[in-house]
Amino acid sequence: MRVEESVEVNRPLEEVFNYVSDVGNYPEWMAHALEVRNDTAGPPRQGDRFAVAIKSIGRRFETPYERIAFGANRRCTDRAVGGPIPSQRWHSAFQEVPRGTRLTRAVDVQSGGLLKLLEPLQKRAAERQLRKDLQALKDVLEAR
């Protein structure tokens, strides 16, 4: 399953990239993110390891991730390395546009068994949530 959404943010590319690639900011714009534990010190880069705690269906879940791709001001990709859905890959691509920055965010998830049967419902819910999160990101950055 792949879900992809884009948003245009009226802020400079470098500012949007720096904010989004810093996983410590996730709880400010991702509705389900409760907290992030960054296991790697220093600025964001390929090889970073972190865990994101979320609340879903009334329960707390924690998923560890590894940043597997990083191109400054262009893209970053994070892959789950455990947790309840370990086959997730989150991609963020950044493009300069006339009024600021276009961010395209996508998630690829491979599900099996019962989760595979629920995929159409999950996809619609994920699309809705991703749109809301990107709108929240836009609101946070444009209010600065």
C-alpha atoms as a PDB file:
ATOM      1  CA  MET A   1       0.000   0.000   0.000  1.00  0.00           C
ATOM      2  CA  ARG A   2       1.266   3.469  -0.850  1.00  0.00           C
ATOM      3  CA  VAL A   3      -0.197   6.746   0.343  1.00  0.00           C
ATOM      4  CA  GLU A   4       1.164  10.039  -0.980  1.00  0.00           C
ATOM      5  CA  GLU A   5       0.159  13.654  -0.405  1.00  0.00           C
ATOM      6  CA  SER A   6       1.729  17.050  -1.097  1.00  0.00           C
ATOM      7  CA  VAL A   7       1.487  20.516   0.384  1.00  0.00           C
ATOM      8  CA  GLU A   8       2.923  23.887  -0.577  1.00  0.00           C
ATOM      9  CA  VAL A   9       4.364  25.846   2.320  1.00  0.00           C
ATOM     10  CA  ASN A  10       5.028  29.566   1.954  1.00  0.00           C
ATOM     11  CA  ARG A  11       8.457  29.283   3.548  1.00  0.00           C
ATOM     12  CA  PRO A  12      11.962  28.847   2.096  1.00  0.00           C
ATOM     13  CA  LEU A  13      13.042  25.339   1.101  1.00  0.00           C
ATOM     14  CA  GLU A  14      15.906  25.122   3.605  1.00  0.00           C
ATOM     15  CA  GLU A  15      13.621  26.110   6.496  1.00  0.00           C
ATOM     16  CA  VAL A  16      10.987  23.512   5.571  1.00  0.00           C
ATOM     17  CA  PHE A  17      13.606  20.802   5.052  1.00  0.00           C
ATOM     18  CA  ASN A  18      15.369  21.533   8.346  1.00  0.00           C
ATOM     19  CA  TYR A  19      12.102  21.476  10.280  1.00  0.00           C
ATOM     20  CA  VAL A  20      10.703  18.297   8.702  1.00  0.00           C
ATOM     21  CA  SER A  21      13.968  16.345   8.807  1.00  0.00           C
ATOM     22  CA  ASP A  22      14.330  17.051  12.557  1.00  0.00           C
ATOM     23  CA  VAL A  23      12.346  14.175  14.074  1.00  0.00           C
ATOM     24  CA  GLY A  24      12.074  16.050  17.369  1.00  0.00           C
ATOM     25  CA  ASN A  25       9.500  18.302  15.687  1.00  0.00           C
ATOM     26  CA  TYR A  26       7.133  15.440  14.779  1.00  0.00           C
ATOM     27  CA  PRO A  27       4.784  15.886  17.773  1.00  0.00           C
ATOM     28  CA  GLU A  28       4.201  19.522  16.741  1.00  0.00           C
ATOM     29  CA  TRP A  29       2.618  18.593  13.415  1.00  0.00           C
ATOM     30  CA  MET A  30       1.786  14.867  13.417  1.00  0.00           C
ATOM     31  CA  ALA A  31      -1.465  14.293  15.265  1.00  0.00           C
ATOM     32  CA  HIS A  32      -0.688  10.739  16.427  1.00  0.00           C
ATOM     33  CA  ALA A  33       2.944  11.384  17.469  1.00  0.00           C
ATOM     34  CA  LEU A  34       3.144  11.573  21.252  1.00  0.00           C
ATOM     35  CA  GLU A  35       6.920  11.750  21.577  1.00  0.00           C
ATOM     36  CA  VAL A  36      10.163  10.991  19.778  1.00  0.00           C
ATOM     37  CA  ARG A  37      13.316   9.496  21.237  1.00  0.00           C
ATOM     38  CA  ASN A  38      16.322  10.386  19.096  1.00  0.00           C
ATOM     39  CA  ASP A  39      19.102   7.825  19.585  1.00  0.00           C
ATOM     40  CA  THR A  40      21.596   9.753  17.428  1.00  0.00           C
ATOM     41  CA  ALA A  41      23.190  13.032  18.460  1.00  0.00           C
ATOM     42  CA  GLY A  42      23.883  15.897  16.089  1.00  0.00           C
ATOM     43  CA  PRO A  43      22.120  17.290  13.050  1.00  0.00           C
ATOM     44  CA  PRO A  44      19.870  15.011  10.956  1.00  0.00           C
ATOM     45  CA  ARG A  45      21.707  12.682   8.575  1.00  0.00           C
ATOM     46  CA  GLN A  46      21.624   9.252   6.985  1.00  0.00           C
ATOM     47  CA  GLY A  47      22.016   6.478   9.549  1.00  0.00           C
ATOM     48  CA  ASP A  48      20.122   8.281  12.325  1.00  0.00           C
ATOM     49  CA  ARG A  49      18.128   6.019  14.630  1.00  0.00           C
ATOM     50  CA  PHE A  50      15.042   7.167  16.514  1.00  0.00           C
ATOM     51  CA  ALA A  51      11.758   5.873  17.912  1.00  0.00           C
ATOM     52  CA  VAL A  52       8.326   7.422  17.558  1.00  0.00           C
ATOM     53  CA  ALA A  53       5.604   6.773  20.134  1.00  0.00           C
ATOM     54  CA  ILE A  54       2.099   7.145  18.738  1.00  0.00           C
ATOM     55  CA  LYS A  55      -1.412   6.729  20.030  1.00  0.00           C
ATOM     56  CA  SER A  56      -3.715   4.696  17.807  1.00  0.00           C
ATOM     57  CA  ILE A  57      -6.957   2.869  18.555  1.00  0.00           C
ATOM     58  CA  GLY A  58      -6.650   4.067  22.127  1.00  0.00           C
ATOM     59  CA  ARG A  59      -3.256   2.430  22.713  1.00  0.00           C
ATOM     60  CA  ARG A  60       0.346   3.565  22.765  1.00  0.00           C
ATOM     61  CA  PHE A  61       2.731   2.005  20.237  1.00  0.00           C
ATOM     62  CA  GLU A  62       6.429   2.652  19.727  1.00  0.00           C
ATOM     63  CA  THR A  63       8.216   2.097  16.432  1.00  0.00           C
ATOM     64  CA  PRO A  64      11.995   2.308  15.974  1.00  0.00           C
ATOM     65  CA  TYR A  65      13.233   3.826  12.697  1.00  0.00           C
ATOM     66  CA  GLU A  66      16.454   4.260  10.776  1.00  0.00           C
ATOM     67  CA  ARG A  67      17.070   7.088   8.314  1.00  0.00           C
ATOM     68  CA  ILE A  68      18.149   5.225   5.180  1.00  0.00           C
ATOM     69  CA  ALA A  69      18.426   8.154   2.742  1.00  0.00           C
ATOM     70  CA  PHE A  70      19.272  11.795   3.251  1.00  0.00           C
ATOM     71  CA  GLY A  71      19.944  14.493   0.663  1.00  0.00           C
ATOM     72  CA  ALA A  72      20.132  17.956   2.187  1.00  0.00           C
ATOM     73  CA  ASN A  73      17.244  20.190   1.038  1.00  0.00           C
ATOM     74  CA  ARG A  74      16.017  17.426  -1.323  1.00  0.00           C
ATOM     75  CA  ARG A  75      14.838  14.243   0.381  1.00  0.00           C
ATOM     76  CA  CYS A  76      14.940  11.893   3.325  1.00  0.00           C
ATOM     77  CA  THR A  77      13.616   8.369   3.838  1.00  0.00           C
ATOM     78  CA  ASP A  78      13.014   6.578   7.128  1.00  0.00           C
ATOM     79  CA  ARG A  79      12.387   2.850   7.496  1.00  0.00           C
ATOM     80  CA  ALA A  80      10.812   1.090  10.460  1.00  0.00           C
ATOM     81  CA  VAL A  81      13.117  -1.492  12.018  1.00  0.00           C
ATOM     82  CA  GLY A  82      10.540  -3.007  14.383  1.00  0.00           C
ATOM     83  CA  GLY A  83       7.284  -2.117  16.059  1.00  0.00           C
ATOM     84  CA  PRO A  84       3.731  -3.184  15.250  1.00  0.00           C
ATOM     85  CA  ILE A  85       4.105  -2.480  11.490  1.00  0.00           C
ATOM     86  CA  PRO A  86       7.791  -3.060  10.714  1.00  0.00           C
ATOM     87  CA  SER A  87       7.489  -2.779   6.936  1.00  0.00           C
ATOM     88  CA  GLN A  88       6.938   1.015   6.781  1.00  0.00           C
ATOM     89  CA  ARG A  89       9.024   3.406   4.720  1.00  0.00           C
ATOM     90  CA  TRP A  90       8.365   7.138   4.954  1.00  0.00           C
ATOM     91  CA  HIS A  91       9.632   9.313   2.102  1.00  0.00           C
ATOM     92  CA  SER A  92       9.827  13.126   2.128  1.00  0.00           C
ATOM     93  CA  ALA A  93      10.743  15.045  -1.044  1.00  0.00           C
ATOM     94  CA  PHE A  94      11.278  18.809  -1.133  1.00  0.00           C
ATOM     95  CA  GLN A  95      11.025  21.083  -4.159  1.00  0.00           C
ATOM     96  CA  GLU A  96      11.409  24.831  -4.445  1.00  0.00           C
ATOM     97  CA  VAL A  97       8.327  26.479  -5.964  1.00  0.00           C
ATOM     98  CA  PRO A  98       7.593  30.175  -6.702  1.00  0.00           C
ATOM     99  CA  ARG A  99       5.897  30.864  -3.339  1.00  0.00           C
ATOM    100  CA  GLY A 100       8.050  28.600  -1.162  1.00  0.00           C
ATOM    101  CA  THR A 101       8.394  24.833  -0.909  1.00  0.00           C
ATOM    102  CA  ARG A 102       6.434  21.816  -2.078  1.00  0.00           C
ATOM    103  CA  LEU A 103       6.723  18.888   0.314  1.00  0.00           C
ATOM    104  CA  THR A 104       5.593  15.492  -0.921  1.00  0.00           C
ATOM    105  CA  ARG A 105       5.310  12.872   1.775  1.00  0.00           C
ATOM    106  CA  ALA A 106       4.599   9.211   1.108  1.00  0.00           C
ATOM    107  CA  VAL A 107       4.425   6.019   3.104  1.00  0.00           C
ATOM    108  CA  ASP A 108       4.859   2.521   1.712  1.00  0.00           C
ATOM    109  CA  VAL A 109       3.563  -0.322   3.883  1.00  0.00           C
ATOM    110  CA  GLN A 110       3.546  -4.027   3.158  1.00  0.00           C
ATOM    111  CA  SER A 111       0.819  -5.766   5.087  1.00  0.00           C
ATOM    112  CA  GLY A 112      -0.230  -9.360   5.225  1.00  0.00           C
ATOM    113  CA  GLY A 113      -2.866 -11.561   6.822  1.00  0.00           C
ATOM    114  CA  LEU A 114      -5.784  -9.754   8.412  1.00  0.00           C
ATOM    115  CA  LEU A 115      -4.155  -6.362   7.832  1.00  0.00           C
ATOM    116  CA  LYS A 116      -4.133  -7.076   4.081  1.00  0.00           C
ATOM    117  CA  LEU A 117      -7.920  -7.524   4.166  1.00  0.00           C
ATOM    118  CA  LEU A 118      -8.320  -4.182   5.900  1.00  0.00           C
ATOM    119  CA  GLU A 119      -6.011  -2.364   3.490  1.00  0.00           C
ATOM    120  CA  PRO A 120      -8.715  -0.338   1.642  1.00  0.00           C
ATOM    121  CA  LEU A 121      -9.992   1.071   4.949  1.00  0.00           C
ATOM    122  CA  GLN A 122      -6.472   1.688   6.219  1.00  0.00           C
ATOM    123  CA  LYS A 123      -5.512   3.464   3.021  1.00  0.00           C
ATOM    124  CA  ARG A 124      -8.414   5.913   3.225  1.00  0.00           C
ATOM    125  CA  ALA A 125      -7.679   6.626   6.890  1.00  0.00           C
ATOM    126  CA  ALA A 126      -3.964   7.089   6.165  1.00  0.00           C
ATOM    127  CA  GLU A 127      -4.714   9.504   3.286  1.00  0.00           C
ATOM    128  CA  ARG A 128      -6.972  11.583   5.538  1.00  0.00           C
ATOM    129  CA  GLN A 129      -4.426  11.652   8.356  1.00  0.00           C
ATOM    130  CA  LEU A 130      -1.523  12.518   6.062  1.00  0.00           C
ATOM    131  CA  ARG A 131      -3.502  15.435   4.580  1.00  0.00           C
ATOM    132  CA  LYS A 132      -4.311  16.704   8.100  1.00  0.00           C
ATOM    133  CA  ASP A 133      -0.697  16.364   9.223  1.00  0.00           C
ATOM    134  CA  LEU A 134       0.606  18.245   6.181  1.00  0.00           C
ATOM    135  CA  GLN A 135      -1.939  21.022   6.746  1.00  0.00           C
ATOM    136  CA  ALA A 136      -0.820  21.234  10.386  1.00  0.00           C
ATOM    137  CA  LEU A 137       2.812  21.428   9.215  1.00  0.00           C
ATOM    138  CA  LYS A 138       1.915  24.251   6.815  1.00  0.00           C
ATOM    139  CA  ASP A 139       0.069  26.105   9.577  1.00  0.00           C
ATOM    140  CA  VAL A 140       2.950  25.751  12.057  1.00  0.00           C
ATOM    141  CA  LEU A 141       5.628  26.892   9.610  1.00  0.00           C
ATOM    142  CA  GLU A 142       3.661  29.763   8.089  1.00  0.00           C
ATOM    143  CA  ALA A 143       2.815  31.116  11.566  1.00  0.00           C
ATOM    144  CA  ARG A 144       6.527  31.673  12.272  1.00  0.00           C
END
